[in-house]
Amino acid sequence: MTTTNTNQTTKTNVDQHLTFDDSVIEKIAGITATRVPGIISLDGNMFSEFADKVSSGNNMTKGINADVGEKQVAIKMDATIEYCKSAPEIFEAVCKEIDSALDKMTGLKLVKFELHVNDVKTREELKKDDDKQVS
């Protein structure tokens, strides 16, 4: 008598989806951008400035807006850059670093990146601003 084993391991197809909240993408972009030389701060609107004054003031998503799709993301960012630094070079570095970080951490592709420079400050000006907020 011959016995045939018909129990074969078959891989079942599972409907899988990995999604990210916009705030997660904004936080990744914010942390990454602040590590780029020449970025002094990321800046939001007046509401977020007020919120920082009454809260801990450590909002890494301030001044960042992400539009997240299934496989791609678009980011708009407002920033203050350091005086005497090249804005185009800072822009290229921030774009490259954010694209790399998003790909590595989420698998999402950065398809659009806008950086709006809303101020230029020296490190001394930034220190004075920080001292005023502490007082």
N, C-alpha and C. Protein backbone atom coordinates (compact mmCIF):
# COMPACT_ATOMS: atom_id res chain seq x y z
N MET A 1 0.83 -1.17 0.00
CA MET A 1 0.00 0.00 0.00
C MET A 1 0.87 1.23 0.00
N THR A 2 0.53 2.21 -0.86
CA THR A 2 1.28 3.45 -0.98
C THR A 2 0.47 4.58 -0.39
N THR A 3 1.13 5.39 0.44
CA THR A 3 0.47 6.54 1.05
C THR A 3 1.09 7.82 0.47
N THR A 4 0.26 8.74 0.08
CA THR A 4 0.73 10.02 -0.45
C THR A 4 0.38 11.11 0.55
N ASN A 5 1.37 11.91 0.91
CA ASN A 5 1.16 13.01 1.86
C ASN A 5 0.71 14.24 1.08
N THR A 6 -0.49 14.69 1.35
CA THR A 6 -1.01 15.88 0.66
C THR A 6 -0.98 17.11 1.56
N ASN A 7 -0.42 17.00 2.75
CA ASN A 7 -0.31 18.15 3.65
C ASN A 7 0.92 18.98 3.27
N GLN A 8 0.72 19.95 2.43
CA GLN A 8 1.81 20.84 2.04
C GLN A 8 1.60 22.19 2.70
N THR A 9 2.69 22.77 3.12
CA THR A 9 2.60 24.09 3.73
C THR A 9 2.37 25.10 2.63
N THR A 10 1.28 25.81 2.73
CA THR A 10 0.98 26.84 1.74
C THR A 10 0.94 28.19 2.44
N LYS A 11 1.46 29.16 1.80
CA LYS A 11 1.48 30.51 2.33
C LYS A 11 0.13 31.17 2.01
N THR A 12 -0.54 31.62 3.05
CA THR A 12 -1.82 32.29 2.82
C THR A 12 -1.57 33.75 2.51
N ASN A 13 -2.38 34.29 1.65
CA ASN A 13 -2.27 35.70 1.32
C ASN A 13 -3.01 36.51 2.38
N VAL A 14 -2.28 37.38 3.03
CA VAL A 14 -2.84 38.23 4.06
C VAL A 14 -2.87 39.65 3.52
N ASP A 15 -4.00 40.29 3.64
CA ASP A 15 -4.14 41.68 3.22
C ASP A 15 -3.46 42.54 4.28
N GLN A 16 -2.31 43.11 3.96
CA GLN A 16 -1.51 43.85 4.93
C GLN A 16 -1.40 45.31 4.54
N HIS A 17 -1.50 46.18 5.54
CA HIS A 17 -1.37 47.62 5.33
C HIS A 17 -0.58 48.23 6.48
N LEU A 18 0.47 48.95 6.15
CA LEU A 18 1.22 49.71 7.13
C LEU A 18 0.95 51.17 6.84
N THR A 19 0.39 51.88 7.80
CA THR A 19 0.05 53.28 7.60
C THR A 19 0.71 54.13 8.68
N PHE A 20 0.84 55.41 8.39
CA PHE A 20 1.46 56.34 9.31
C PHE A 20 0.58 57.58 9.45
N ASP A 21 0.44 58.04 10.66
CA ASP A 21 -0.26 59.29 10.92
C ASP A 21 0.62 60.43 10.38
N ASP A 22 -0.02 61.49 9.89
CA ASP A 22 0.74 62.64 9.39
C ASP A 22 1.73 63.14 10.42
N SER A 23 1.33 63.14 11.70
CA SER A 23 2.20 63.68 12.75
C SER A 23 3.48 62.86 12.91
N VAL A 24 3.44 61.58 12.61
CA VAL A 24 4.64 60.74 12.68
C VAL A 24 5.63 61.17 11.60
N ILE A 25 5.13 61.37 10.40
CA ILE A 25 5.98 61.80 9.29
C ILE A 25 6.52 63.20 9.57
N GLU A 26 5.69 64.08 10.12
CA GLU A 26 6.12 65.44 10.46
C GLU A 26 7.22 65.40 11.51
N LYS A 27 7.09 64.51 12.48
CA LYS A 27 8.10 64.41 13.53
C LYS A 27 9.43 63.89 12.98
N ILE A 28 9.37 62.88 12.12
CA ILE A 28 10.59 62.37 11.49
C ILE A 28 11.27 63.50 10.70
N ALA A 29 10.48 64.23 9.93
CA ALA A 29 11.03 65.33 9.13
C ALA A 29 11.61 66.42 10.03
N GLY A 30 10.93 66.72 11.12
CA GLY A 30 11.39 67.77 12.04
C GLY A 30 12.70 67.41 12.72
N ILE A 31 12.77 66.21 13.25
CA ILE A 31 14.00 65.78 13.92
C ILE A 31 15.16 65.76 12.92
N THR A 32 14.89 65.24 11.74
CA THR A 32 15.92 65.15 10.71
C THR A 32 16.40 66.53 10.28
N ALA A 33 15.46 67.44 10.03
CA ALA A 33 15.82 68.79 9.55
C ALA A 33 16.65 69.55 10.58
N THR A 34 16.32 69.42 11.86
CA THR A 34 17.06 70.18 12.87
C THR A 34 18.49 69.69 13.03
N ARG A 35 18.80 68.54 12.50
CA ARG A 35 20.18 68.02 12.55
C ARG A 35 21.03 68.50 11.39
N VAL A 36 20.42 69.19 10.44
CA VAL A 36 21.16 69.69 9.28
C VAL A 36 21.81 71.03 9.64
N PRO A 37 23.13 71.15 9.43
CA PRO A 37 23.79 72.43 9.71
C PRO A 37 23.15 73.56 8.90
N GLY A 38 22.92 74.68 9.57
CA GLY A 38 22.32 75.85 8.92
C GLY A 38 20.86 76.05 9.27
N ILE A 39 20.18 74.99 9.72
CA ILE A 39 18.80 75.13 10.19
C ILE A 39 18.87 75.57 11.65
N ILE A 40 18.37 76.77 11.92
CA ILE A 40 18.37 77.27 13.30
C ILE A 40 17.13 76.80 14.02
N SER A 41 15.98 76.91 13.37
CA SER A 41 14.74 76.45 14.00
C SER A 41 13.68 76.21 12.94
N LEU A 42 12.70 75.40 13.32
CA LEU A 42 11.52 75.20 12.49
C LEU A 42 10.43 76.04 13.12
N ASP A 43 9.71 76.74 12.30
CA ASP A 43 8.77 77.73 12.81
C ASP A 43 7.37 77.49 12.32
N GLY A 44 6.43 77.68 13.21
CA GLY A 44 5.03 77.51 12.86
C GLY A 44 4.31 78.83 12.78
N ASN A 45 3.00 78.74 12.80
CA ASN A 45 2.19 79.94 12.75
C ASN A 45 2.06 80.55 14.14
N MET A 46 1.28 81.62 14.26
CA MET A 46 1.16 82.29 15.56
C MET A 46 0.53 81.39 16.61
N PHE A 47 -0.40 80.53 16.22
CA PHE A 47 -1.03 79.63 17.19
C PHE A 47 0.00 78.68 17.79
N SER A 48 0.87 78.13 16.98
CA SER A 48 1.86 77.19 17.53
C SER A 48 2.90 77.93 18.36
N GLU A 49 3.20 79.18 18.01
CA GLU A 49 4.11 79.97 18.85
C GLU A 49 3.49 80.19 20.23
N PHE A 50 2.19 80.52 20.27
CA PHE A 50 1.50 80.72 21.54
C PHE A 50 1.44 79.41 22.33
N ALA A 51 1.15 78.32 21.64
CA ALA A 51 1.08 77.02 22.30
C ALA A 51 2.42 76.64 22.93
N ASP A 52 3.52 76.98 22.25
CA ASP A 52 4.84 76.70 22.81
C ASP A 52 5.09 77.48 24.10
N LYS A 53 4.57 78.69 24.16
CA LYS A 53 4.81 79.50 25.34
C LYS A 53 4.05 78.98 26.56
N VAL A 54 2.90 78.35 26.34
CA VAL A 54 2.11 77.84 27.48
C VAL A 54 2.34 76.36 27.73
N SER A 55 3.08 75.72 26.85
CA SER A 55 3.39 74.30 27.05
C SER A 55 4.90 74.15 27.24
N SER A 56 5.38 72.95 27.10
CA SER A 56 6.82 72.70 27.27
C SER A 56 7.65 73.33 26.16
N GLY A 57 7.03 73.68 25.03
CA GLY A 57 7.75 74.32 23.94
C GLY A 57 8.66 73.40 23.16
N ASN A 58 8.41 72.11 23.21
CA ASN A 58 9.28 71.16 22.53
C ASN A 58 8.51 70.39 21.46
N ASN A 59 7.86 71.11 20.56
CA ASN A 59 7.05 70.50 19.52
C ASN A 59 7.88 70.33 18.25
N MET A 60 8.27 69.10 17.96
CA MET A 60 9.12 68.82 16.81
C MET A 60 8.38 68.92 15.47
N THR A 61 7.07 69.08 15.50
CA THR A 61 6.32 69.16 14.24
C THR A 61 5.94 70.60 13.90
N LYS A 62 6.37 71.54 14.69
CA LYS A 62 6.03 72.95 14.47
C LYS A 62 6.58 73.41 13.12
N GLY A 63 5.72 74.02 12.31
CA GLY A 63 6.15 74.53 11.02
C GLY A 63 6.26 73.49 9.93
N ILE A 64 5.71 72.29 10.18
CA ILE A 64 5.80 71.21 9.19
C ILE A 64 4.41 70.70 8.87
N ASN A 65 4.15 70.50 7.58
CA ASN A 65 2.88 69.95 7.14
C ASN A 65 3.17 68.79 6.20
N ALA A 66 2.67 67.61 6.54
CA ALA A 66 2.89 66.43 5.70
C ALA A 66 1.57 65.96 5.11
N ASP A 67 1.63 65.57 3.86
CA ASP A 67 0.49 64.96 3.18
C ASP A 67 0.93 63.54 2.83
N VAL A 68 0.40 62.58 3.57
CA VAL A 68 0.87 61.20 3.47
C VAL A 68 -0.10 60.36 2.65
N GLY A 69 0.44 59.70 1.63
CA GLY A 69 -0.33 58.75 0.84
C GLY A 69 0.06 57.34 1.20
N GLU A 70 -0.36 56.37 0.41
CA GLU A 70 -0.04 54.98 0.69
C GLU A 70 1.44 54.66 0.51
N LYS A 71 2.06 55.27 -0.50
CA LYS A 71 3.47 54.95 -0.79
C LYS A 71 4.35 56.18 -0.91
N GLN A 72 3.76 57.35 -0.78
CA GLN A 72 4.54 58.57 -0.98
C GLN A 72 4.08 59.66 -0.03
N VAL A 73 4.92 60.69 0.09
CA VAL A 73 4.63 61.79 1.01
C VAL A 73 5.12 63.11 0.42
N ALA A 74 4.38 64.16 0.72
CA ALA A 74 4.77 65.52 0.36
C ALA A 74 4.90 66.31 1.67
N ILE A 75 5.94 67.13 1.75
CA ILE A 75 6.19 67.88 2.97
C ILE A 75 6.41 69.35 2.65
N LYS A 76 5.79 70.21 3.47
CA LYS A 76 6.03 71.65 3.45
C LYS A 76 6.60 72.00 4.82
N MET A 77 7.63 72.85 4.81
CA MET A 77 8.31 73.16 6.06
C MET A 77 8.69 74.64 6.09
N ASP A 78 8.50 75.29 7.25
CA ASP A 78 8.94 76.66 7.47
C ASP A 78 10.15 76.62 8.40
N ALA A 79 11.18 77.39 8.06
CA ALA A 79 12.39 77.34 8.87
C ALA A 79 13.10 78.69 8.92
N THR A 80 13.86 78.85 9.99
CA THR A 80 14.79 79.95 10.13
C THR A 80 16.18 79.36 9.89
N ILE A 81 16.93 80.03 9.02
CA ILE A 81 18.27 79.52 8.73
C ILE A 81 19.32 80.47 9.29
N GLU A 82 20.53 79.94 9.36
CA GLU A 82 21.64 80.71 9.92
C GLU A 82 22.15 81.74 8.91
N TYR A 83 22.38 82.95 9.41
CA TYR A 83 22.93 84.04 8.60
C TYR A 83 24.27 83.64 7.99
N CYS A 84 24.50 84.01 6.76
CA CYS A 84 25.73 83.75 6.00
C CYS A 84 25.85 82.30 5.52
N LYS A 85 24.81 81.52 5.64
CA LYS A 85 24.82 80.16 5.11
C LYS A 85 24.06 80.15 3.78
N SER A 86 24.38 79.21 2.93
CA SER A 86 23.75 79.10 1.62
C SER A 86 22.38 78.43 1.73
N ALA A 87 21.33 79.19 1.45
CA ALA A 87 19.98 78.63 1.50
C ALA A 87 19.81 77.46 0.52
N PRO A 88 20.31 77.56 -0.74
CA PRO A 88 20.16 76.42 -1.64
C PRO A 88 20.88 75.16 -1.13
N GLU A 89 22.04 75.33 -0.52
CA GLU A 89 22.75 74.16 0.02
C GLU A 89 22.01 73.56 1.21
N ILE A 90 21.47 74.41 2.07
CA ILE A 90 20.68 73.93 3.21
C ILE A 90 19.46 73.18 2.70
N PHE A 91 18.77 73.77 1.71
CA PHE A 91 17.59 73.14 1.11
C PHE A 91 17.91 71.75 0.58
N GLU A 92 18.98 71.65 -0.20
CA GLU A 92 19.37 70.35 -0.78
C GLU A 92 19.69 69.34 0.31
N ALA A 93 20.41 69.77 1.35
CA ALA A 93 20.79 68.86 2.43
C ALA A 93 19.57 68.39 3.20
N VAL A 94 18.66 69.30 3.52
CA VAL A 94 17.45 68.93 4.26
C VAL A 94 16.61 67.96 3.44
N CYS A 95 16.42 68.26 2.17
CA CYS A 95 15.63 67.40 1.29
C CYS A 95 16.23 66.00 1.22
N LYS A 96 17.54 65.92 1.02
CA LYS A 96 18.22 64.63 0.92
C LYS A 96 18.11 63.84 2.22
N GLU A 97 18.33 64.50 3.35
CA GLU A 97 18.30 63.81 4.64
C GLU A 97 16.89 63.33 4.99
N ILE A 98 15.88 64.15 4.73
CA ILE A 98 14.50 63.76 5.01
C ILE A 98 14.08 62.60 4.11
N ASP A 99 14.43 62.68 2.83
CA ASP A 99 14.12 61.59 1.90
C ASP A 99 14.73 60.28 2.39
N SER A 100 15.97 60.33 2.80
CA SER A 100 16.66 59.13 3.28
C SER A 100 16.03 58.59 4.57
N ALA A 101 15.73 59.49 5.51
CA ALA A 101 15.14 59.07 6.78
C ALA A 101 13.76 58.45 6.58
N LEU A 102 12.95 59.06 5.73
CA LEU A 102 11.60 58.53 5.47
C LEU A 102 11.67 57.16 4.81
N ASP A 103 12.57 57.02 3.84
CA ASP A 103 12.72 55.74 3.15
C ASP A 103 13.15 54.65 4.14
N LYS A 104 14.13 54.98 4.96
CA LYS A 104 14.66 54.00 5.91
C LYS A 104 13.64 53.62 6.99
N MET A 105 12.95 54.61 7.54
CA MET A 105 12.05 54.34 8.68
C MET A 105 10.64 53.93 8.29
N THR A 106 10.19 54.36 7.10
CA THR A 106 8.79 54.10 6.74
C THR A 106 8.61 53.39 5.40
N GLY A 107 9.61 53.49 4.55
CA GLY A 107 9.47 52.94 3.20
C GLY A 107 8.73 53.87 2.26
N LEU A 108 8.33 55.04 2.75
CA LEU A 108 7.63 56.01 1.91
C LEU A 108 8.62 56.81 1.09
N LYS A 109 8.18 57.22 -0.10
CA LYS A 109 9.00 57.99 -1.02
C LYS A 109 8.61 59.46 -0.93
N LEU A 110 9.59 60.32 -0.71
CA LEU A 110 9.36 61.76 -0.70
C LEU A 110 9.22 62.21 -2.15
N VAL A 111 8.03 62.69 -2.53
CA VAL A 111 7.79 63.09 -3.92
C VAL A 111 7.72 64.60 -4.09
N LYS A 112 7.54 65.33 -2.98
CA LYS A 112 7.50 66.79 -3.06
C LYS A 112 8.01 67.34 -1.73
N PHE A 113 8.90 68.33 -1.82
CA PHE A 113 9.43 68.96 -0.62
C PHE A 113 9.52 70.46 -0.85
N GLU A 114 8.91 71.21 0.05
CA GLU A 114 8.97 72.67 -0.02
C GLU A 114 9.54 73.19 1.29
N LEU A 115 10.55 74.04 1.19
CA LEU A 115 11.13 74.69 2.36
C LEU A 115 10.94 76.19 2.20
N HIS A 116 10.21 76.77 3.12
CA HIS A 116 9.98 78.21 3.13
C HIS A 116 10.87 78.82 4.21
N VAL A 117 11.82 79.64 3.80
CA VAL A 117 12.69 80.31 4.76
C VAL A 117 11.98 81.59 5.18
N ASN A 118 11.58 81.63 6.46
CA ASN A 118 10.83 82.80 6.93
C ASN A 118 11.66 83.76 7.77
N ASP A 119 12.92 83.40 8.04
CA ASP A 119 13.79 84.32 8.77
C ASP A 119 15.23 83.85 8.64
N VAL A 120 16.13 84.79 8.84
CA VAL A 120 17.56 84.52 8.89
C VAL A 120 18.05 85.12 10.19
N LYS A 121 18.76 84.31 10.98
CA LYS A 121 19.26 84.81 12.26
C LYS A 121 20.69 84.36 12.48
N THR A 122 21.40 85.17 13.26
CA THR A 122 22.72 84.75 13.72
C THR A 122 22.51 83.88 14.95
N ARG A 123 23.51 83.11 15.30
CA ARG A 123 23.43 82.29 16.52
C ARG A 123 23.24 83.19 17.74
N GLU A 124 23.85 84.37 17.72
CA GLU A 124 23.71 85.31 18.83
C GLU A 124 22.26 85.78 18.98
N GLU A 125 21.60 86.08 17.86
CA GLU A 125 20.19 86.48 17.91
C GLU A 125 19.33 85.37 18.50
N LEU A 126 19.60 84.15 18.11
CA LEU A 126 18.84 83.01 18.62
C LEU A 126 19.04 82.87 20.12
N LYS A 127 20.28 83.03 20.58
CA LYS A 127 20.56 82.94 22.01
C LYS A 127 19.81 84.03 22.78
N LYS A 128 19.79 85.26 22.24
CA LYS A 128 19.06 86.36 22.88
C LYS A 128 17.57 86.04 22.96
N ASP A 129 17.01 85.50 21.86
CA ASP A 129 15.59 85.11 21.84
C ASP A 129 15.31 84.06 22.91
N ASP A 130 16.19 83.08 23.02
CA ASP A 130 16.01 82.03 24.02
C ASP A 130 16.09 82.59 25.44
N ASP A 131 17.02 83.52 25.65
CA ASP A 131 17.17 84.12 26.98
C ASP A 131 15.92 84.91 27.36
N LYS A 132 15.29 85.59 26.39
CA LYS A 132 14.07 86.36 26.64
C LYS A 132 12.92 85.43 27.04
N GLN A 133 12.82 84.26 26.39
CA GLN A 133 11.74 83.34 26.69
C GLN A 133 11.90 82.71 28.06
N VAL A 134 13.14 82.53 28.52
CA VAL A 134 13.39 81.93 29.83
C VAL A 134 13.05 82.93 30.93
N SER A 135 13.27 84.22 30.68
CA SER A 135 13.01 85.25 31.69
C SER A 135 11.56 85.40 32.03
